[in-house]
């Protein structure tokens, strides 16, 4: 992901419940000042796929590269999956 300093950008991804039963997932980031998820909580039937909105907010950022981690946690707040999003913020 690349975005200029001082801007906000929106992207969409899809997430699939890999389990054969209903699951609830919570989305978090290690860089909450930079990336937000919509919705932050997914309630998904077995095998279902749902869109997830990612908002990147570089209004308070300085130029550089930031590795944002997206944690997909279960209903007990245990990490199910972790995805890395490399963000290049430029002038």
C-alpha atoms as a PDB file:
ATOM      1  CA  UNK A   1       0.000   0.000   0.000  1.00  0.00           C
ATOM      2  CA  UNK A   2       1.321   3.465  -0.856  1.00  0.00           C
ATOM      3  CA  UNK A   3      -0.145   6.795   0.171  1.00  0.00           C
ATOM      4  CA  UNK A   4       0.986  10.403   0.521  1.00  0.00           C
ATOM      5  CA  UNK A   5       1.515  12.037   3.910  1.00  0.00           C
ATOM      6  CA  UNK A   6      -1.632  13.778   5.115  1.00  0.00           C
ATOM      7  CA  UNK A   7      -4.136  11.618   3.226  1.00  0.00           C
ATOM      8  CA  UNK A   8      -6.683   8.898   3.929  1.00  0.00           C
ATOM      9  CA  UNK A   9      -7.218   5.913   1.610  1.00  0.00           C
ATOM     10  CA  UNK A  10      -9.752   3.086   1.618  1.00  0.00           C
ATOM     11  CA  UNK A  11      -9.243  -0.450   0.321  1.00  0.00           C
ATOM     12  CA  UNK A  12     -11.300  -3.641   0.476  1.00  0.00           C
ATOM     13  CA  UNK A  13     -10.269  -7.228   1.012  1.00  0.00           C
ATOM     14  CA  UNK A  14     -12.290 -10.375   1.592  1.00  0.00           C
ATOM     15  CA  UNK A  15     -11.946 -12.737   4.516  1.00  0.00           C
ATOM     16  CA  UNK A  16     -13.194 -16.338   4.538  1.00  0.00           C
ATOM     17  CA  UNK A  17     -14.125 -18.359   7.604  1.00  0.00           C
ATOM     18  CA  UNK A  18     -11.967 -21.473   7.137  1.00  0.00           C
ATOM     19  CA  UNK A  19     -13.940 -23.483   9.715  1.00  0.00           C
ATOM     20  CA  UNK A  20     -16.885 -25.845   9.239  1.00  0.00           C
ATOM     21  CA  UNK A  21     -18.932 -24.009  11.904  1.00  0.00           C
ATOM     22  CA  UNK A  22     -20.063 -20.467  12.755  1.00  0.00           C
ATOM     23  CA  UNK A  23     -17.249 -18.219  14.069  1.00  0.00           C
ATOM     24  CA  UNK A  24     -16.868 -14.668  15.310  1.00  0.00           C
ATOM     25  CA  UNK A  25     -13.620 -12.855  14.518  1.00  0.00           C
ATOM     26  CA  UNK A  26     -12.295  -9.538  15.811  1.00  0.00           C
ATOM     27  CA  UNK A  27      -9.877  -7.530  13.664  1.00  0.00           C
ATOM     28  CA  UNK A  28      -7.068  -5.531  15.254  1.00  0.00           C
ATOM     29  CA  UNK A  29      -3.863  -3.819  14.156  1.00  0.00           C
ATOM     30  CA  UNK A  30      -0.518  -3.189  15.829  1.00  0.00           C
ATOM     31  CA  UNK A  31      -0.674   0.259  14.153  1.00  0.00           C
ATOM     32  CA  UNK A  32      -4.165   1.494  15.164  1.00  0.00           C
ATOM     33  CA  UNK A  33      -3.173   5.106  14.375  1.00  0.00           C
ATOM     34  CA  UNK A  34      -2.656   4.074  10.741  1.00  0.00           C
ATOM     35  CA  UNK A  35      -5.123   1.298   9.839  1.00  0.00           C
ATOM     36  CA  UNK A  36      -8.759   0.752  10.852  1.00  0.00           C
ATOM     37  CA  UNK A  37     -11.122  -2.083   9.897  1.00  0.00           C
ATOM     38  CA  UNK A  38     -14.796  -1.902   8.950  1.00  0.00           C
ATOM     39  CA  UNK A  39     -16.424  -3.834  10.426  1.00  0.00           C
ATOM     40  CA  UNK A  40     -14.007  -4.535  13.286  1.00  0.00           C
ATOM     41  CA  UNK A  41     -15.946  -7.716  14.134  1.00  0.00           C
ATOM     42  CA  UNK A  42     -17.051 -10.447  11.719  1.00  0.00           C
ATOM     43  CA  UNK A  43     -19.788 -12.961  12.522  1.00  0.00           C
ATOM     44  CA  UNK A  44     -19.494 -15.636   9.883  1.00  0.00           C
ATOM     45  CA  UNK A  45     -21.226 -18.896   9.024  1.00  0.00           C
ATOM     46  CA  UNK A  46     -19.088 -21.902   8.091  1.00  0.00           C
ATOM     47  CA  UNK A  47     -17.056 -21.231   4.947  1.00  0.00           C
ATOM     48  CA  UNK A  48     -18.584 -17.770   4.403  1.00  0.00           C
ATOM     49  CA  UNK A  49     -16.665 -14.935   2.781  1.00  0.00           C
ATOM     50  CA  UNK A  50     -17.163 -11.304   3.844  1.00  0.00           C
ATOM     51  CA  UNK A  51     -15.724  -7.989   2.647  1.00  0.00           C
ATOM     52  CA  UNK A  52     -13.568  -6.009   5.066  1.00  0.00           C
ATOM     53  CA  UNK A  53     -12.871  -2.321   4.597  1.00  0.00           C
ATOM     54  CA  UNK A  54      -9.404  -1.034   5.465  1.00  0.00           C
ATOM     55  CA  UNK A  55      -8.936   2.670   6.094  1.00  0.00           C
ATOM     56  CA  UNK A  56      -5.368   3.957   6.037  1.00  0.00           C
ATOM     57  CA  UNK A  57      -5.021   7.316   7.793  1.00  0.00           C
ATOM     58  CA  UNK A  58      -1.689   9.038   7.078  1.00  0.00           C
ATOM     59  CA  UNK A  59      -2.795  12.489   8.268  1.00  0.00           C
ATOM     60  CA  UNK A  60      -0.435  12.326  11.268  1.00  0.00           C
ATOM     61  CA  UNK A  61       2.268  10.243   9.561  1.00  0.00           C
ATOM     62  CA  UNK A  62       5.800  11.046   8.502  1.00  0.00           C
ATOM     63  CA  UNK A  63       7.382   9.633   5.336  1.00  0.00           C
ATOM     64  CA  UNK A  64       8.684   6.104   5.601  1.00  0.00           C
ATOM     65  CA  UNK A  65       7.698   2.446   5.550  1.00  0.00           C
ATOM     66  CA  UNK A  66       5.447   0.976   8.221  1.00  0.00           C
ATOM     67  CA  UNK A  67       4.630  -2.718   8.570  1.00  0.00           C
ATOM     68  CA  UNK A  68       1.084  -2.918   9.914  1.00  0.00           C
ATOM     69  CA  UNK A  69      -0.028  -6.277  11.247  1.00  0.00           C
ATOM     70  CA  UNK A  70      -3.666  -7.311  10.925  1.00  0.00           C
ATOM     71  CA  UNK A  71      -4.630  -9.720  13.696  1.00  0.00           C
ATOM     72  CA  UNK A  72      -7.683 -11.924  13.217  1.00  0.00           C
ATOM     73  CA  UNK A  73      -8.703 -13.036  16.706  1.00  0.00           C
ATOM     74  CA  UNK A  74     -11.333 -15.543  17.838  1.00  0.00           C
ATOM     75  CA  UNK A  75     -14.069 -14.910  20.406  1.00  0.00           C
ATOM     76  CA  UNK A  76     -11.569 -15.701  23.204  1.00  0.00           C
ATOM     77  CA  UNK A  77      -9.192 -13.045  21.775  1.00  0.00           C
ATOM     78  CA  UNK A  78      -6.653 -15.646  20.625  1.00  0.00           C
ATOM     79  CA  UNK A  79      -4.915 -14.885  17.346  1.00  0.00           C
ATOM     80  CA  UNK A  80      -6.200 -17.096  14.533  1.00  0.00           C
ATOM     81  CA  UNK A  81      -4.255 -15.428  11.752  1.00  0.00           C
ATOM     82  CA  UNK A  82      -1.862 -12.516  11.239  1.00  0.00           C
ATOM     83  CA  UNK A  83      -1.424 -10.655   7.954  1.00  0.00           C
ATOM     84  CA  UNK A  84       1.295  -8.110   7.222  1.00  0.00           C
ATOM     85  CA  UNK A  85       0.480  -4.969   5.258  1.00  0.00           C
ATOM     86  CA  UNK A  86       3.495  -2.920   4.211  1.00  0.00           C
ATOM     87  CA  UNK A  87       2.585   0.746   3.937  1.00  0.00           C
ATOM     88  CA  UNK A  88       4.857   3.251   2.190  1.00  0.00           C
ATOM     89  CA  UNK A  89       4.066   6.810   3.209  1.00  0.00           C
ATOM     90  CA  UNK A  90       5.622   9.443   0.932  1.00  0.00           C
ATOM     91  CA  UNK A  91       5.644  13.217   0.396  1.00  0.00           C
END
